[in-house]
Amino acid sequence: MNALFEEAISLRDQGDYKGACKMFSVFIEKWPDDFGGYLLKGGILLFQLHLTDQALDCLQKAVQLNPKSELSSVALFHCLWKKGESDLAFEEAKRYVKTAGRSEEYDFILKEINESIDNNTLEDIE
């Protein structure tokens, strides 16, 4: 694995999320066609730093570079959902399943959404 990538992961694992994002940005500059840097940076921006707009850019790029990456697609789904873009989130899920086939992760998400609709707690899903 690349030293920059490993350093970014190490910073993330130590809880230095801003430092990890900066390191992933350097990695992305050097290897702009590697979806992993976009995916991991986007995940940090979304789940740790709660910067959904910045995360969206990274996660869209990760999906563009690797349309069959379930992790990228699901992260993009969650980002769109958190932004209140449920229609776009479902479009991404459909795109992924059409492109890559069945997804246990999306099966789980849809089950959770259906249960939340039944219990009238849909707004609680993240």
C-alpha atoms as a PDB file:
ATOM      1  CA  MET A   1       0.000   0.000   0.000  1.00  0.00           C
ATOM      2  CA  ASN A   2       1.108   3.551  -0.674  1.00  0.00           C
ATOM      3  CA  ALA A   3       2.870   5.397   2.189  1.00  0.00           C
ATOM      4  CA  LEU A   4       0.594   8.459   1.883  1.00  0.00           C
ATOM      5  CA  PHE A   5      -2.471   6.238   2.008  1.00  0.00           C
ATOM      6  CA  GLU A   6      -1.138   4.372   5.038  1.00  0.00           C
ATOM      7  CA  GLU A   7      -0.327   7.650   6.827  1.00  0.00           C
ATOM      8  CA  ALA A   8      -3.840   8.969   6.141  1.00  0.00           C
ATOM      9  CA  ILE A   9      -5.354   5.773   7.542  1.00  0.00           C
ATOM     10  CA  SER A  10      -3.084   5.994  10.574  1.00  0.00           C
ATOM     11  CA  LEU A  11      -4.187   9.587  11.236  1.00  0.00           C
ATOM     12  CA  ARG A  12      -7.827   8.541  10.884  1.00  0.00           C
ATOM     13  CA  ASP A  13      -7.321   5.652  13.292  1.00  0.00           C
ATOM     14  CA  GLN A  14      -5.741   8.057  15.806  1.00  0.00           C
ATOM     15  CA  GLY A  15      -8.769  10.334  15.572  1.00  0.00           C
ATOM     16  CA  ASP A  16      -7.017  13.089  13.636  1.00  0.00           C
ATOM     17  CA  TYR A  17      -9.768  13.359  11.033  1.00  0.00           C
ATOM     18  CA  LYS A  18      -8.746  16.741   9.644  1.00  0.00           C
ATOM     19  CA  GLY A  19      -5.151  15.559   9.296  1.00  0.00           C
ATOM     20  CA  ALA A  20      -6.342  12.386   7.569  1.00  0.00           C
ATOM     21  CA  CYS A  21      -8.426  14.427   5.128  1.00  0.00           C
ATOM     22  CA  LYS A  22      -5.433  16.607   4.304  1.00  0.00           C
ATOM     23  CA  MET A  23      -3.305  13.514   3.700  1.00  0.00           C
ATOM     24  CA  PHE A  24      -6.002  11.945   1.518  1.00  0.00           C
ATOM     25  CA  SER A  25      -6.127  15.212  -0.454  1.00  0.00           C
ATOM     26  CA  VAL A  26      -2.392  14.909  -1.147  1.00  0.00           C
ATOM     27  CA  PHE A  27      -2.906  11.264  -2.135  1.00  0.00           C
ATOM     28  CA  ILE A  28      -5.762  12.250  -4.475  1.00  0.00           C
ATOM     29  CA  GLU A  29      -3.610  14.924  -6.116  1.00  0.00           C
ATOM     30  CA  LYS A  30      -0.942  12.327  -6.899  1.00  0.00           C
ATOM     31  CA  TRP A  31      -3.331   9.501  -7.826  1.00  0.00           C
ATOM     32  CA  PRO A  32      -6.564  11.134  -9.053  1.00  0.00           C
ATOM     33  CA  ASP A  33      -7.871   7.890 -10.567  1.00  0.00           C
ATOM     34  CA  ASP A  34      -7.710   5.856  -7.352  1.00  0.00           C
ATOM     35  CA  PHE A  35     -11.241   5.664  -5.946  1.00  0.00           C
ATOM     36  CA  GLY A  36     -10.031   4.579  -2.486  1.00  0.00           C
ATOM     37  CA  GLY A  37      -8.711   8.005  -1.543  1.00  0.00           C
ATOM     38  CA  TYR A  38     -12.016   9.636  -2.466  1.00  0.00           C
ATOM     39  CA  LEU A  39     -13.999   6.952  -0.641  1.00  0.00           C
ATOM     40  CA  LEU A  40     -12.064   7.171   2.610  1.00  0.00           C
ATOM     41  CA  LYS A  41     -11.856  10.963   2.591  1.00  0.00           C
ATOM     42  CA  GLY A  42     -15.576  11.131   1.831  1.00  0.00           C
ATOM     43  CA  GLY A  43     -16.335   8.721   4.657  1.00  0.00           C
ATOM     44  CA  ILE A  44     -14.401  10.819   7.151  1.00  0.00           C
ATOM     45  CA  LEU A  45     -16.043  14.014   5.947  1.00  0.00           C
ATOM     46  CA  LEU A  46     -19.483  12.419   6.211  1.00  0.00           C
ATOM     47  CA  PHE A  47     -19.363  10.258   9.323  1.00  0.00           C
ATOM     48  CA  GLN A  48     -16.723  11.926  11.511  1.00  0.00           C
ATOM     49  CA  LEU A  49     -16.718  15.598  10.486  1.00  0.00           C
ATOM     50  CA  HIS A  50     -20.367  15.806   9.310  1.00  0.00           C
ATOM     51  CA  LEU A  51     -19.451  17.890   6.259  1.00  0.00           C
ATOM     52  CA  THR A  52     -22.003  16.435   3.876  1.00  0.00           C
ATOM     53  CA  ASP A  53     -21.440  18.818   0.957  1.00  0.00           C
ATOM     54  CA  GLN A  54     -17.706  18.103   0.851  1.00  0.00           C
ATOM     55  CA  ALA A  55     -18.347  14.398   1.411  1.00  0.00           C
ATOM     56  CA  LEU A  56     -20.789  14.351  -1.487  1.00  0.00           C
ATOM     57  CA  ASP A  57     -18.129  15.530  -3.947  1.00  0.00           C
ATOM     58  CA  CYS A  58     -15.700  12.837  -2.820  1.00  0.00           C
ATOM     59  CA  LEU A  59     -18.240  10.035  -2.768  1.00  0.00           C
ATOM     60  CA  GLN A  60     -19.636  10.920  -6.185  1.00  0.00           C
ATOM     61  CA  LYS A  61     -16.087  10.788  -7.559  1.00  0.00           C
ATOM     62  CA  ALA A  62     -15.458   7.418  -5.863  1.00  0.00           C
ATOM     63  CA  VAL A  63     -18.615   6.002  -7.478  1.00  0.00           C
ATOM     64  CA  GLN A  64     -17.679   7.506 -10.837  1.00  0.00           C
ATOM     65  CA  LEU A  65     -14.235   5.876 -10.693  1.00  0.00           C
ATOM     66  CA  ASN A  66     -15.518   2.508  -9.461  1.00  0.00           C
ATOM     67  CA  PRO A  67     -19.252   2.103 -10.157  1.00  0.00           C
ATOM     68  CA  LYS A  68     -19.239  -1.470  -8.794  1.00  0.00           C
ATOM     69  CA  SER A  69     -17.864  -0.511  -5.369  1.00  0.00           C
ATOM     70  CA  GLU A  70     -20.586  -1.336  -2.872  1.00  0.00           C
ATOM     71  CA  LEU A  71     -18.850   0.687  -0.138  1.00  0.00           C
ATOM     72  CA  SER A  72     -18.717   3.783  -2.328  1.00  0.00           C
ATOM     73  CA  SER A  73     -22.334   3.422  -3.380  1.00  0.00           C
ATOM     74  CA  VAL A  74     -23.658   2.849   0.130  1.00  0.00           C
ATOM     75  CA  ALA A  75     -21.624   5.778   1.489  1.00  0.00           C
ATOM     76  CA  LEU A  76     -23.040   7.979  -1.281  1.00  0.00           C
ATOM     77  CA  PHE A  77     -26.542   6.720  -0.424  1.00  0.00           C
ATOM     78  CA  HIS A  78     -26.052   7.708   3.239  1.00  0.00           C
ATOM     79  CA  CYS A  79     -24.662  11.106   2.258  1.00  0.00           C
ATOM     80  CA  LEU A  80     -27.614  11.856  -0.005  1.00  0.00           C
ATOM     81  CA  TRP A  81     -30.020  10.622   2.670  1.00  0.00           C
ATOM     82  CA  LYS A  82     -28.443  12.883   5.300  1.00  0.00           C
ATOM     83  CA  LYS A  83     -28.783  15.825   2.926  1.00  0.00           C
ATOM     84  CA  GLY A  84     -32.513  15.089   2.634  1.00  0.00           C
ATOM     85  CA  GLU A  85     -32.126  13.883  -0.947  1.00  0.00           C
ATOM     86  CA  SER A  86     -33.962  10.577  -0.498  1.00  0.00           C
ATOM     87  CA  ASP A  87     -35.018  10.382  -4.170  1.00  0.00           C
ATOM     88  CA  LEU A  88     -31.387  10.675  -5.290  1.00  0.00           C
ATOM     89  CA  ALA A  89     -30.336   8.185  -2.609  1.00  0.00           C
ATOM     90  CA  PHE A  90     -32.796   5.617  -3.975  1.00  0.00           C
ATOM     91  CA  GLU A  91     -31.622   6.345  -7.515  1.00  0.00           C
ATOM     92  CA  GLU A  92     -28.070   5.542  -6.414  1.00  0.00           C
ATOM     93  CA  ALA A  93     -29.225   2.280  -4.828  1.00  0.00           C
ATOM     94  CA  LYS A  94     -31.038   1.318  -8.023  1.00  0.00           C
ATOM     95  CA  ARG A  95     -28.015   2.273 -10.132  1.00  0.00           C
ATOM     96  CA  TYR A  96     -25.731   0.124  -8.028  1.00  0.00           C
ATOM     97  CA  VAL A  97     -27.994  -2.947  -8.088  1.00  0.00           C
ATOM     98  CA  LYS A  98     -28.468  -2.600 -11.841  1.00  0.00           C
ATOM     99  CA  THR A  99     -24.695  -2.267 -12.355  1.00  0.00           C
ATOM    100  CA  ALA A 100     -23.296  -4.721  -9.829  1.00  0.00           C
ATOM    101  CA  GLY A 101     -26.148  -7.014  -8.834  1.00  0.00           C
ATOM    102  CA  ARG A 102     -27.800  -7.787  -5.547  1.00  0.00           C
ATOM    103  CA  SER A 103     -26.459  -6.113  -2.428  1.00  0.00           C
ATOM    104  CA  GLU A 104     -26.902  -7.430   1.096  1.00  0.00           C
ATOM    105  CA  GLU A 105     -26.170  -3.947   2.420  1.00  0.00           C
ATOM    106  CA  TYR A 106     -28.939  -2.382   0.353  1.00  0.00           C
ATOM    107  CA  ASP A 107     -31.255  -5.251   1.317  1.00  0.00           C
ATOM    108  CA  PHE A 108     -30.591  -4.347   4.966  1.00  0.00           C
ATOM    109  CA  ILE A 109     -31.103  -0.619   4.365  1.00  0.00           C
ATOM    110  CA  LEU A 110     -34.408  -1.188   2.563  1.00  0.00           C
ATOM    111  CA  LYS A 111     -35.601  -3.524   5.322  1.00  0.00           C
ATOM    112  CA  GLU A 112     -34.727  -0.851   7.918  1.00  0.00           C
ATOM    113  CA  ILE A 113     -36.555   1.826   5.917  1.00  0.00           C
ATOM    114  CA  ASN A 114     -39.654  -0.372   5.526  1.00  0.00           C
ATOM    115  CA  GLU A 115     -39.707  -1.109   9.259  1.00  0.00           C
ATOM    116  CA  SER A 116     -39.334   2.596  10.016  1.00  0.00           C
ATOM    117  CA  ILE A 117     -42.226   3.420   7.707  1.00  0.00           C
ATOM    118  CA  ASP A 118     -44.342   0.788   9.478  1.00  0.00           C
ATOM    119  CA  ASN A 119     -43.377   2.240  12.881  1.00  0.00           C
ATOM    120  CA  ASN A 120     -43.679   5.856  11.722  1.00  0.00           C
ATOM    121  CA  THR A 121     -40.021   6.546  12.667  1.00  0.00           C
ATOM    122  CA  LEU A 122     -38.526   7.175   9.216  1.00  0.00           C
ATOM    123  CA  GLU A 123     -37.021  10.500  10.265  1.00  0.00           C
ATOM    124  CA  ASP A 124     -34.829   8.633  12.801  1.00  0.00           C
ATOM    125  CA  ILE A 125     -32.877   6.759  10.112  1.00  0.00           C
ATOM    126  CA  GLU A 126     -29.413   8.034   9.304  1.00  0.00           C
END
